[in-house]
C-alpha atoms as a PDB file:
ATOM      1  CA  MET A   1      -0.032  -0.027  -0.084  1.00  0.00           C
ATOM      2  CA  SER A   2       1.649   3.404  -0.971  1.00  0.00           C
ATOM      3  CA  GLU A   3      -1.205   5.710  -0.436  1.00  0.00           C
ATOM      4  CA  ARG A   4      -2.706   6.563   2.906  1.00  0.00           C
ATOM      5  CA  GLU A   5      -6.292   5.352   3.329  1.00  0.00           C
ATOM      6  CA  GLN A   6      -8.674   7.455   5.374  1.00  0.00           C
ATOM      7  CA  CYS A   7     -10.365   5.443   8.150  1.00  0.00           C
ATOM      8  CA  TRP A   8     -12.284   5.904  11.277  1.00  0.00           C
ATOM      9  CA  VAL A   9     -12.168   4.244  14.393  1.00  0.00           C
ATOM     10  CA  ILE A  10     -15.333   3.835  16.673  1.00  0.00           C
ATOM     11  CA  HIS A  11     -14.049   3.586  20.063  1.00  0.00           C
ATOM     12  CA  ASN A  12     -17.150   3.828  22.382  1.00  0.00           C
ATOM     13  CA  GLU A  13     -18.085   4.159  25.952  1.00  0.00           C
ATOM     14  CA  VAL A  14     -20.822   2.246  27.795  1.00  0.00           C
ATOM     15  CA  VAL A  15     -23.575   4.445  28.903  1.00  0.00           C
ATOM     16  CA  ASP A  16     -24.451   4.057  32.726  1.00  0.00           C
ATOM     17  CA  PRO A  17     -27.072   3.668  33.643  1.00  0.00           C
ATOM     18  CA  PRO A  18     -28.257   2.253  30.289  1.00  0.00           C
ATOM     19  CA  PRO A  19     -31.364   3.583  28.746  1.00  0.00           C
ATOM     20  CA  LYS A  20     -34.427   1.330  28.709  1.00  0.00           C
ATOM     21  CA  ILE A  21     -34.896  -0.161  25.158  1.00  0.00           C
ATOM     22  CA  ALA A  22     -37.231  -2.722  23.584  1.00  0.00           C
ATOM     23  CA  LEU A  23     -34.465  -5.060  22.633  1.00  0.00           C
ATOM     24  CA  THR A  24     -32.938  -7.813  24.823  1.00  0.00           C
ATOM     25  CA  GLN A  25     -29.235  -7.532  25.405  1.00  0.00           C
ATOM     26  CA  GLN A  26     -28.853 -10.678  23.062  1.00  0.00           C
ATOM     27  CA  GLU A  27     -30.774  -9.034  20.368  1.00  0.00           C
ATOM     28  CA  LEU A  28     -28.625  -5.859  20.319  1.00  0.00           C
ATOM     29  CA  THR A  29     -25.494  -7.835  20.334  1.00  0.00           C
ATOM     30  CA  GLU A  30     -27.010  -9.765  17.245  1.00  0.00           C
ATOM     31  CA  ARG A  31     -27.499  -6.685  15.488  1.00  0.00           C
ATOM     32  CA  HIS A  32     -24.054  -5.389  16.668  1.00  0.00           C
ATOM     33  CA  HIS A  33     -22.610  -8.410  15.039  1.00  0.00           C
ATOM     34  CA  GLN A  34     -24.664  -8.093  11.940  1.00  0.00           C
ATOM     35  CA  PHE A  35     -23.530  -4.566  11.461  1.00  0.00           C
ATOM     36  CA  ILE A  36     -19.834  -5.522  11.678  1.00  0.00           C
ATOM     37  CA  HIS A  37     -20.654  -8.383   9.020  1.00  0.00           C
ATOM     38  CA  ASP A  38     -22.385  -5.906   6.705  1.00  0.00           C
ATOM     39  CA  LEU A  39     -19.474  -3.392   6.750  1.00  0.00           C
ATOM     40  CA  ASP A  40     -17.281  -6.298   5.854  1.00  0.00           C
ATOM     41  CA  ALA A  41     -19.737  -7.273   2.977  1.00  0.00           C
ATOM     42  CA  LYS A  42     -19.724  -3.605   1.496  1.00  0.00           C
ATOM     43  CA  GLY A  43     -15.688  -3.568   1.764  1.00  0.00           C
ATOM     44  CA  LEU A  44     -15.902  -1.114   4.384  1.00  0.00           C
ATOM     45  CA  LEU A  45     -14.599  -3.062   7.607  1.00  0.00           C
ATOM     46  CA  VAL A  46     -10.752  -2.829   8.138  1.00  0.00           C
ATOM     47  CA  ASP A  47     -10.914  -4.434  11.631  1.00  0.00           C
ATOM     48  CA  ALA A  48     -12.941  -4.915  14.699  1.00  0.00           C
ATOM     49  CA  GLY A  49     -12.924  -6.670  18.199  1.00  0.00           C
ATOM     50  CA  PRO A  50     -13.166  -6.426  21.905  1.00  0.00           C
ATOM     51  CA  PHE A  51     -10.552  -5.315  24.189  1.00  0.00           C
ATOM     52  CA  LEU A  52      -9.010  -7.980  26.183  1.00  0.00           C
ATOM     53  CA  ASP A  53      -6.735  -8.096  29.450  1.00  0.00           C
ATOM     54  CA  ASP A  54      -3.396  -9.777  29.561  1.00  0.00           C
ATOM     55  CA  THR A  55      -5.458 -12.896  30.913  1.00  0.00           C
ATOM     56  CA  GLY A  56      -7.758 -12.731  27.788  1.00  0.00           C
ATOM     57  CA  ASN A  57     -10.989 -11.459  29.742  1.00  0.00           C
ATOM     58  CA  ARG A  58     -12.828  -8.836  28.084  1.00  0.00           C
ATOM     59  CA  PHE A  59     -12.781  -5.203  29.461  1.00  0.00           C
ATOM     60  CA  GLY A  60     -14.457  -2.126  28.261  1.00  0.00           C
ATOM     61  CA  THR A  61     -16.027  -2.309  24.966  1.00  0.00           C
ATOM     62  CA  GLY A  62     -13.959  -2.612  21.816  1.00  0.00           C
ATOM     63  CA  MET A  63     -13.473  -0.841  18.554  1.00  0.00           C
ATOM     64  CA  ILE A  64     -14.344  -0.967  14.798  1.00  0.00           C
ATOM     65  CA  ILE A  65     -12.186   0.467  12.133  1.00  0.00           C
ATOM     66  CA  PHE A  66     -13.729   1.086   8.841  1.00  0.00           C
ATOM     67  CA  ARG A  67     -13.140   3.070   5.518  1.00  0.00           C
ATOM     68  CA  ALA A  68     -15.063   6.301   4.855  1.00  0.00           C
ATOM     69  CA  VAL A  69     -13.877   9.436   2.824  1.00  0.00           C
ATOM     70  CA  THR A  70     -15.405  12.314   4.956  1.00  0.00           C
ATOM     71  CA  ARG A  71     -16.248  12.863   8.720  1.00  0.00           C
ATOM     72  CA  ALA A  72     -19.914  13.181   7.558  1.00  0.00           C
ATOM     73  CA  GLU A  73     -19.972   9.720   6.119  1.00  0.00           C
ATOM     74  CA  ALA A  74     -18.270   8.207   8.777  1.00  0.00           C
ATOM     75  CA  GLU A  75     -20.782   9.681  11.384  1.00  0.00           C
ATOM     76  CA  LYS A  76     -23.664   8.295   9.332  1.00  0.00           C
ATOM     77  CA  ILE A  77     -22.098   4.906   9.299  1.00  0.00           C
ATOM     78  CA  ALA A  78     -21.005   4.949  13.072  1.00  0.00           C
ATOM     79  CA  ASN A  79     -24.361   6.405  14.289  1.00  0.00           C
ATOM     80  CA  SER A  80     -25.939   3.318  12.578  1.00  0.00           C
ATOM     81  CA  GLU A  81     -24.085   0.952  15.012  1.00  0.00           C
ATOM     82  CA  PRO A  82     -26.919  -0.744  16.984  1.00  0.00           C
ATOM     83  CA  TYR A  83     -25.425   0.050  20.343  1.00  0.00           C
ATOM     84  CA  ILE A  84     -24.789   3.614  19.496  1.00  0.00           C
ATOM     85  CA  ALA A  85     -28.247   4.007  17.735  1.00  0.00           C
ATOM     86  CA  HIS A  86     -30.085   2.705  20.875  1.00  0.00           C
ATOM     87  CA  GLY A  87     -28.195   4.872  23.251  1.00  0.00           C
ATOM     88  CA  THR A  88     -26.181   2.461  25.273  1.00  0.00           C
ATOM     89  CA  ARG A  89     -23.004   3.357  24.026  1.00  0.00           C
ATOM     90  CA  ARG A  90     -21.768   6.784  23.603  1.00  0.00           C
ATOM     91  CA  LEU A  91     -19.980   7.351  20.194  1.00  0.00           C
ATOM     92  CA  LYS A  92     -16.201   8.427  20.092  1.00  0.00           C
ATOM     93  CA  LEU A  93     -15.198   8.485  16.640  1.00  0.00           C
ATOM     94  CA  VAL A  94     -11.489   9.109  15.614  1.00  0.00           C
ATOM     95  CA  PRO A  95     -10.040   9.570  12.248  1.00  0.00           C
ATOM     96  CA  TRP A  96      -7.110   7.301  11.442  1.00  0.00           C
ATOM     97  CA  GLN A  97      -5.020   7.062   8.358  1.00  0.00           C
ATOM     98  CA  ARG A  98      -3.957   3.565   7.357  1.00  0.00           C
ATOM     99  CA  ILE A  99      -0.544   3.229   5.667  1.00  0.00           C
ATOM    100  CA  ALA A 100       0.182  -0.539   5.710  1.00  0.00           C
ATOM    101  CA  GLY A 101      -1.572  -3.807   6.366  1.00  0.00           C
ATOM    102  CA  HIS A 102      -4.179  -5.640   4.645  1.00  0.00           C
END
């Protein structure tokens, strides 16, 4: 890869206490996973996954790195992520330029 590729990182925070929503936690998690698979199918996903400590246990949330040319496009995509769209997580959207990797 010789050119920089504009990407964005969704690094969100859990809203505490969470708002009351009509979906179960399992339904919301399934929609979150589908969102990631949809980004991948569209060729927008760079990488995604949870944060783990040194013992392999999850902590915090995770991050999703995806391609978008503009902040407006990135915000539209990020705000459609189910945890964010349902208000259970607060969006932190960070620009990131990929210069190497697959």
